[in-house]
Amino acid sequence: MSDSEFLFAVNGEGGPLLCMDAQAASEWRGAQDGSSDYSELCARFDADPDADVVAVRLAGLRCIAWEMRGAGTADVFIGDDGVIRVVRAWLADARTELLGELAKMRPIVAKPTGEIDVPSGALVILWSPESGLAARIERAERFRVVPETSIAESAFVLRVSSGTYTCLDERVAIGESEARRLALARRSLA
């Protein structure tokens, strides 16, 4: 498998992460200002307790909500192959190199979960109670943290190639360390 570069870590206090185009993010209010977006998303997960991924449509674009399975951090990597991997790891020891290994290794399980549309080339990854209103990126930036969130570093915008991304819910393990991953691979235009 290709090598992976760490980009950033997204914080969450429980509940899914949402992956979407910046245009779609402008319609997402999460749990902010009395919005029901977050509670309606949680109800969809509650309706199927085995669901790890729920498809969402915002601004006419396909988006993905991915359950992290508890409060914590999901680390975002990009591989030499251009695949973006959101990694939620449970490490057996404090060796930080394990996280990078879990990010780049071949999955034990890889379940297709849908597609997301990123026509703007700005992919937003946010903890779903947050609002996506401030999710913007400047041309010169590779990625940036979204300001004014309820918890620090709970939303990011990443510059990517515009297009449609196939999503895979993956599982990996090294000894007693394991991780769930959401892999986002740009679909070939061929």
C-alpha atoms as a PDB file:
ATOM      1  CA  MET A   1       0.000   0.000   0.000  1.00  0.00           C
ATOM      2  CA  SER A   2       1.182   3.583  -0.560  1.00  0.00           C
ATOM      3  CA  ASP A   3       2.863   5.753   2.025  1.00  0.00           C
ATOM      4  CA  SER A   4       0.632   8.150   4.004  1.00  0.00           C
ATOM      5  CA  GLU A   5       1.137  11.712   5.182  1.00  0.00           C
ATOM      6  CA  PHE A   6      -0.550  12.945   8.378  1.00  0.00           C
ATOM      7  CA  LEU A   7      -2.568  16.126   7.779  1.00  0.00           C
ATOM      8  CA  PHE A   8      -4.614  16.935  10.901  1.00  0.00           C
ATOM      9  CA  ALA A   9      -6.705  15.474  13.734  1.00  0.00           C
ATOM     10  CA  VAL A  10     -10.454  16.120  14.081  1.00  0.00           C
ATOM     11  CA  ASN A  11     -11.862  16.165  17.623  1.00  0.00           C
ATOM     12  CA  GLY A  12     -15.319  14.911  18.566  1.00  0.00           C
ATOM     13  CA  GLU A  13     -17.238  14.363  21.785  1.00  0.00           C
ATOM     14  CA  GLY A  14     -19.304  11.464  20.446  1.00  0.00           C
ATOM     15  CA  GLY A  15     -21.485  11.286  17.377  1.00  0.00           C
ATOM     16  CA  PRO A  16     -20.533  11.019  13.713  1.00  0.00           C
ATOM     17  CA  LEU A  17     -18.184  13.009  11.545  1.00  0.00           C
ATOM     18  CA  LEU A  18     -19.627  14.515   8.387  1.00  0.00           C
ATOM     19  CA  CYS A  19     -17.634  14.589   5.107  1.00  0.00           C
ATOM     20  CA  MET A  20     -18.952  16.952   2.436  1.00  0.00           C
ATOM     21  CA  ASP A  21     -18.225  19.640  -0.106  1.00  0.00           C
ATOM     22  CA  ALA A  22     -17.934  23.208   1.205  1.00  0.00           C
ATOM     23  CA  GLN A  23     -21.120  24.123  -0.721  1.00  0.00           C
ATOM     24  CA  ALA A  24     -23.027  21.438   1.192  1.00  0.00           C
ATOM     25  CA  ALA A  25     -21.428  22.550   4.473  1.00  0.00           C
ATOM     26  CA  SER A  26     -23.019  25.987   4.068  1.00  0.00           C
ATOM     27  CA  GLU A  27     -26.416  24.282   4.564  1.00  0.00           C
ATOM     28  CA  TRP A  28     -25.412  22.227   7.636  1.00  0.00           C
ATOM     29  CA  ARG A  29     -26.218  23.776  11.027  1.00  0.00           C
ATOM     30  CA  GLY A  30     -25.532  20.741  13.242  1.00  0.00           C
ATOM     31  CA  ALA A  31     -26.922  21.429  16.718  1.00  0.00           C
ATOM     32  CA  GLN A  32     -26.241  25.175  16.541  1.00  0.00           C
ATOM     33  CA  ASP A  33     -28.900  27.855  17.040  1.00  0.00           C
ATOM     34  CA  GLY A  34     -31.789  25.423  17.545  1.00  0.00           C
ATOM     35  CA  SER A  35     -31.118  23.443  14.352  1.00  0.00           C
ATOM     36  CA  SER A  36     -32.474  19.894  14.154  1.00  0.00           C
ATOM     37  CA  ASP A  37     -29.804  18.748  11.634  1.00  0.00           C
ATOM     38  CA  TYR A  38     -27.757  16.877  14.245  1.00  0.00           C
ATOM     39  CA  SER A  39     -30.709  15.258  16.051  1.00  0.00           C
ATOM     40  CA  GLU A  40     -32.208  14.096  12.735  1.00  0.00           C
ATOM     41  CA  LEU A  41     -28.861  12.584  11.704  1.00  0.00           C
ATOM     42  CA  CYS A  42     -28.544  10.793  15.064  1.00  0.00           C
ATOM     43  CA  ALA A  43     -32.089   9.428  14.658  1.00  0.00           C
ATOM     44  CA  ARG A  44     -31.021   7.865  11.346  1.00  0.00           C
ATOM     45  CA  PHE A  45     -28.085   6.125  13.066  1.00  0.00           C
ATOM     46  CA  ASP A  46     -30.320   5.094  15.993  1.00  0.00           C
ATOM     47  CA  ALA A  47     -32.774   3.483  13.551  1.00  0.00           C
ATOM     48  CA  ASP A  48     -29.997   1.065  12.530  1.00  0.00           C
ATOM     49  CA  PRO A  49     -27.597   0.514  15.475  1.00  0.00           C
ATOM     50  CA  ASP A  50     -25.237  -1.487  13.218  1.00  0.00           C
ATOM     51  CA  ALA A  51     -24.846   1.401  10.746  1.00  0.00           C
ATOM     52  CA  ASP A  52     -21.382   2.951  10.574  1.00  0.00           C
ATOM     53  CA  VAL A  53     -22.201   5.241   7.653  1.00  0.00           C
ATOM     54  CA  VAL A  54     -25.287   7.219   6.648  1.00  0.00           C
ATOM     55  CA  ALA A  55     -25.707   8.968   3.298  1.00  0.00           C
ATOM     56  CA  VAL A  56     -26.788  12.607   3.497  1.00  0.00           C
ATOM     57  CA  ARG A  57     -27.784  15.021   0.732  1.00  0.00           C
ATOM     58  CA  LEU A  58     -27.149  18.751   1.182  1.00  0.00           C
ATOM     59  CA  ALA A  59     -27.288  21.478  -1.475  1.00  0.00           C
ATOM     60  CA  GLY A  60     -28.083  18.676  -3.940  1.00  0.00           C
ATOM     61  CA  LEU A  61     -24.714  17.003  -3.201  1.00  0.00           C
ATOM     62  CA  ARG A  62     -24.006  13.545  -1.791  1.00  0.00           C
ATOM     63  CA  CYS A  63     -22.323  13.584   1.624  1.00  0.00           C
ATOM     64  CA  ILE A  64     -21.329  10.888   4.148  1.00  0.00           C
ATOM     65  CA  ALA A  65     -21.781  10.758   7.927  1.00  0.00           C
ATOM     66  CA  TRP A  66     -19.337   8.326   9.560  1.00  0.00           C
ATOM     67  CA  GLU A  67     -19.758   7.095  13.114  1.00  0.00           C
ATOM     68  CA  MET A  68     -16.509   7.352  15.119  1.00  0.00           C
ATOM     69  CA  ARG A  69     -17.865   5.086  17.894  1.00  0.00           C
ATOM     70  CA  GLY A  70     -17.291   7.336  20.867  1.00  0.00           C
ATOM     71  CA  ALA A  71     -15.613  10.559  21.855  1.00  0.00           C
ATOM     72  CA  GLY A  72     -12.057  11.074  20.718  1.00  0.00           C
ATOM     73  CA  THR A  73      -9.903  12.036  17.778  1.00  0.00           C
ATOM     74  CA  ALA A  74      -9.878  10.928  14.158  1.00  0.00           C
ATOM     75  CA  ASP A  75      -6.585  11.473  12.362  1.00  0.00           C
ATOM     76  CA  VAL A  76      -6.657  12.415   8.692  1.00  0.00           C
ATOM     77  CA  PHE A  77      -3.991  11.131   6.294  1.00  0.00           C
ATOM     78  CA  ILE A  78      -3.493  11.330   2.551  1.00  0.00           C
ATOM     79  CA  GLY A  79      -1.701   8.560   0.695  1.00  0.00           C
ATOM     80  CA  ASP A  80       0.687   8.831  -2.215  1.00  0.00           C
ATOM     81  CA  ASP A  81      -2.204   7.354  -4.199  1.00  0.00           C
ATOM     82  CA  GLY A  82      -4.390  10.392  -3.313  1.00  0.00           C
ATOM     83  CA  VAL A  83      -6.714   8.391  -1.039  1.00  0.00           C
ATOM     84  CA  ILE A  84      -7.804  10.344   2.028  1.00  0.00           C
ATOM     85  CA  ARG A  85      -8.162   8.200   5.151  1.00  0.00           C
ATOM     86  CA  VAL A  86      -9.941   9.317   8.301  1.00  0.00           C
ATOM     87  CA  VAL A  87      -8.527   7.033  11.007  1.00  0.00           C
ATOM     88  CA  ARG A  88     -10.129   6.373  14.408  1.00  0.00           C
ATOM     89  CA  ALA A  89      -7.537   4.281  16.273  1.00  0.00           C
ATOM     90  CA  TRP A  90      -7.356   2.421  19.552  1.00  0.00           C
ATOM     91  CA  LEU A  91      -3.655   1.889  20.260  1.00  0.00           C
ATOM     92  CA  ALA A  92      -2.392  -0.853  22.595  1.00  0.00           C
ATOM     93  CA  ASP A  93       0.643   1.247  23.533  1.00  0.00           C
ATOM     94  CA  ALA A  94       1.951   4.787  23.180  1.00  0.00           C
ATOM     95  CA  ARG A  95       4.105   4.183  20.089  1.00  0.00           C
ATOM     96  CA  THR A  96       2.955   6.989  17.792  1.00  0.00           C
ATOM     97  CA  GLU A  97       4.369   5.281  14.695  1.00  0.00           C
ATOM     98  CA  LEU A  98       1.551   2.715  15.033  1.00  0.00           C
ATOM     99  CA  LEU A  99      -0.960   5.332  13.924  1.00  0.00           C
ATOM    100  CA  GLY A 100       0.909   5.925  10.659  1.00  0.00           C
ATOM    101  CA  GLU A 101       1.186   2.183  10.080  1.00  0.00           C
ATOM    102  CA  LEU A 102      -2.556   1.729  10.668  1.00  0.00           C
ATOM    103  CA  ALA A 103      -3.228   4.546   8.196  1.00  0.00           C
ATOM    104  CA  LYS A 104      -1.291   2.999   5.333  1.00  0.00           C
ATOM    105  CA  MET A 105      -1.780  -0.766   5.680  1.00  0.00           C
ATOM    106  CA  ARG A 106      -4.145  -2.897   3.624  1.00  0.00           C
ATOM    107  CA  PRO A 107      -7.554  -3.250   5.272  1.00  0.00           C
ATOM    108  CA  ILE A 108      -8.807  -6.479   6.827  1.00  0.00           C
ATOM    109  CA  VAL A 109     -12.332  -5.371   5.901  1.00  0.00           C
ATOM    110  CA  ALA A 110     -13.289  -2.769   3.279  1.00  0.00           C
ATOM    111  CA  LYS A 111     -17.014  -2.153   2.839  1.00  0.00           C
ATOM    112  CA  PRO A 112     -18.218   0.256   0.116  1.00  0.00           C
ATOM    113  CA  THR A 113     -20.511   2.824   1.705  1.00  0.00           C
ATOM    114  CA  GLY A 114     -21.428   5.267  -1.049  1.00  0.00           C
ATOM    115  CA  GLU A 115     -20.041   8.347  -2.731  1.00  0.00           C
ATOM    116  CA  ILE A 116     -19.614  12.013  -1.979  1.00  0.00           C
ATOM    117  CA  ASP A 117     -19.573  14.897  -4.430  1.00  0.00           C
ATOM    118  CA  VAL A 118     -16.829  17.529  -4.064  1.00  0.00           C
ATOM    119  CA  PRO A 119     -17.293  19.843  -7.077  1.00  0.00           C
ATOM    120  CA  SER A 120     -15.678  22.845  -5.364  1.00  0.00           C
ATOM    121  CA  GLY A 121     -12.436  21.020  -4.521  1.00  0.00           C
ATOM    122  CA  ALA A 122     -12.947  21.889  -0.834  1.00  0.00           C
ATOM    123  CA  LEU A 123     -13.679  18.844   1.346  1.00  0.00           C
ATOM    124  CA  VAL A 124     -15.093  19.586   4.798  1.00  0.00           C
ATOM    125  CA  ILE A 125     -14.644  17.076   7.625  1.00  0.00           C
ATOM    126  CA  LEU A 126     -16.497  18.122  10.752  1.00  0.00           C
ATOM    127  CA  TRP A 127     -17.916  16.755  13.973  1.00  0.00           C
ATOM    128  CA  SER A 128     -21.615  16.728  13.111  1.00  0.00           C
ATOM    129  CA  PRO A 129     -22.949  18.906  15.999  1.00  0.00           C
ATOM    130  CA  GLU A 130     -20.902  21.779  14.528  1.00  0.00           C
ATOM    131  CA  SER A 131     -22.223  24.201  11.922  1.00  0.00           C
ATOM    132  CA  GLY A 132     -20.585  24.226   8.499  1.00  0.00           C
ATOM    133  CA  LEU A 133     -21.265  27.912   7.837  1.00  0.00           C
ATOM    134  CA  ALA A 134     -17.652  29.028   8.395  1.00  0.00           C
ATOM    135  CA  ALA A 135     -16.114  26.177   6.339  1.00  0.00           C
ATOM    136  CA  ARG A 136     -14.105  28.025   3.717  1.00  0.00           C
ATOM    137  CA  ILE A 137     -10.588  27.712   2.374  1.00  0.00           C
ATOM    138  CA  GLU A 138      -8.264  30.202   0.752  1.00  0.00           C
ATOM    139  CA  ARG A 139      -6.600  29.267  -2.548  1.00  0.00           C
ATOM    140  CA  ALA A 140      -3.088  29.182  -1.070  1.00  0.00           C
ATOM    141  CA  GLU A 141      -4.033  26.889   1.818  1.00  0.00           C
ATOM    142  CA  ARG A 142      -3.784  23.100   1.696  1.00  0.00           C
ATOM    143  CA  PHE A 143      -6.096  22.789   4.701  1.00  0.00           C
ATOM    144  CA  ARG A 144      -7.332  24.908   7.572  1.00  0.00           C
ATOM    145  CA  VAL A 145      -9.176  24.539  10.829  1.00  0.00           C
ATOM    146  CA  VAL A 146     -12.692  26.001  10.782  1.00  0.00           C
ATOM    147  CA  PRO A 147     -12.911  28.867  13.313  1.00  0.00           C
ATOM    148  CA  GLU A 148     -15.513  29.417  16.021  1.00  0.00           C
ATOM    149  CA  THR A 149     -16.497  25.816  16.742  1.00  0.00           C
ATOM    150  CA  SER A 150     -17.867  24.578  20.063  1.00  0.00           C
ATOM    151  CA  ILE A 151     -14.743  22.461  20.718  1.00  0.00           C
ATOM    152  CA  ALA A 152     -11.229  23.062  19.413  1.00  0.00           C
ATOM    153  CA  GLU A 153     -10.257  21.545  16.065  1.00  0.00           C
ATOM    154  CA  SER A 154     -13.582  19.820  15.419  1.00  0.00           C
ATOM    155  CA  ALA A 155     -13.908  20.964  11.795  1.00  0.00           C
ATOM    156  CA  PHE A 156     -11.430  21.267   8.909  1.00  0.00           C
ATOM    157  CA  VAL A 157     -11.459  22.140   5.230  1.00  0.00           C
ATOM    158  CA  LEU A 158      -9.047  20.300   2.918  1.00  0.00           C
ATOM    159  CA  ARG A 159      -8.213  21.275  -0.665  1.00  0.00           C
ATOM    160  CA  VAL A 160      -8.704  18.213  -2.909  1.00  0.00           C
ATOM    161  CA  SER A 161      -9.211  17.497  -6.594  1.00  0.00           C
ATOM    162  CA  SER A 162     -12.810  18.225  -7.488  1.00  0.00           C
ATOM    163  CA  GLY A 163     -14.931  15.227  -8.394  1.00  0.00           C
ATOM    164  CA  THR A 164     -16.773  12.265  -6.943  1.00  0.00           C
ATOM    165  CA  TYR A 165     -15.190  10.219  -4.171  1.00  0.00           C
ATOM    166  CA  THR A 166     -15.978   6.577  -3.461  1.00  0.00           C
ATOM    167  CA  CYS A 167     -16.174   5.873   0.273  1.00  0.00           C
ATOM    168  CA  LEU A 168     -15.054   2.678   2.031  1.00  0.00           C
ATOM    169  CA  ASP A 169     -15.553   1.805   5.690  1.00  0.00           C
ATOM    170  CA  GLU A 170     -12.378  -0.094   6.587  1.00  0.00           C
ATOM    171  CA  ARG A 171     -10.914  -2.050   9.516  1.00  0.00           C
ATOM    172  CA  VAL A 172      -7.187  -2.553  10.174  1.00  0.00           C
ATOM    173  CA  ALA A 173      -5.142  -4.028  13.035  1.00  0.00           C
ATOM    174  CA  ILE A 174      -1.547  -4.485  14.176  1.00  0.00           C
ATOM    175  CA  GLY A 175      -1.367  -6.840  17.136  1.00  0.00           C
ATOM    176  CA  GLU A 176      -3.738  -5.438  19.763  1.00  0.00           C
ATOM    177  CA  SER A 177      -3.883  -1.980  18.133  1.00  0.00           C
ATOM    178  CA  GLU A 178      -6.781  -1.479  15.768  1.00  0.00           C
ATOM    179  CA  ALA A 179      -8.495   1.231  13.777  1.00  0.00           C
ATOM    180  CA  ARG A 180     -11.600   2.009  11.816  1.00  0.00           C
ATOM    181  CA  ARG A 181     -11.011   4.079   8.689  1.00  0.00           C
ATOM    182  CA  LEU A 182     -13.152   6.002   6.278  1.00  0.00           C
ATOM    183  CA  ALA A 183     -11.311   5.935   2.945  1.00  0.00           C
ATOM    184  CA  LEU A 184     -12.200   8.516   0.296  1.00  0.00           C
ATOM    185  CA  ALA A 185     -10.867   7.678  -3.174  1.00  0.00           C
ATOM    186  CA  ARG A 186     -11.451   9.986  -6.138  1.00  0.00           C
ATOM    187  CA  ARG A 187     -13.256   8.124  -8.870  1.00  0.00           C
ATOM    188  CA  SER A 188     -11.360   7.892 -12.151  1.00  0.00           C
ATOM    189  CA  LEU A 189     -12.682  10.026 -14.968  1.00  0.00           C
ATOM    190  CA  ALA A 190     -11.800   7.349 -17.526  1.00  0.00           C
END
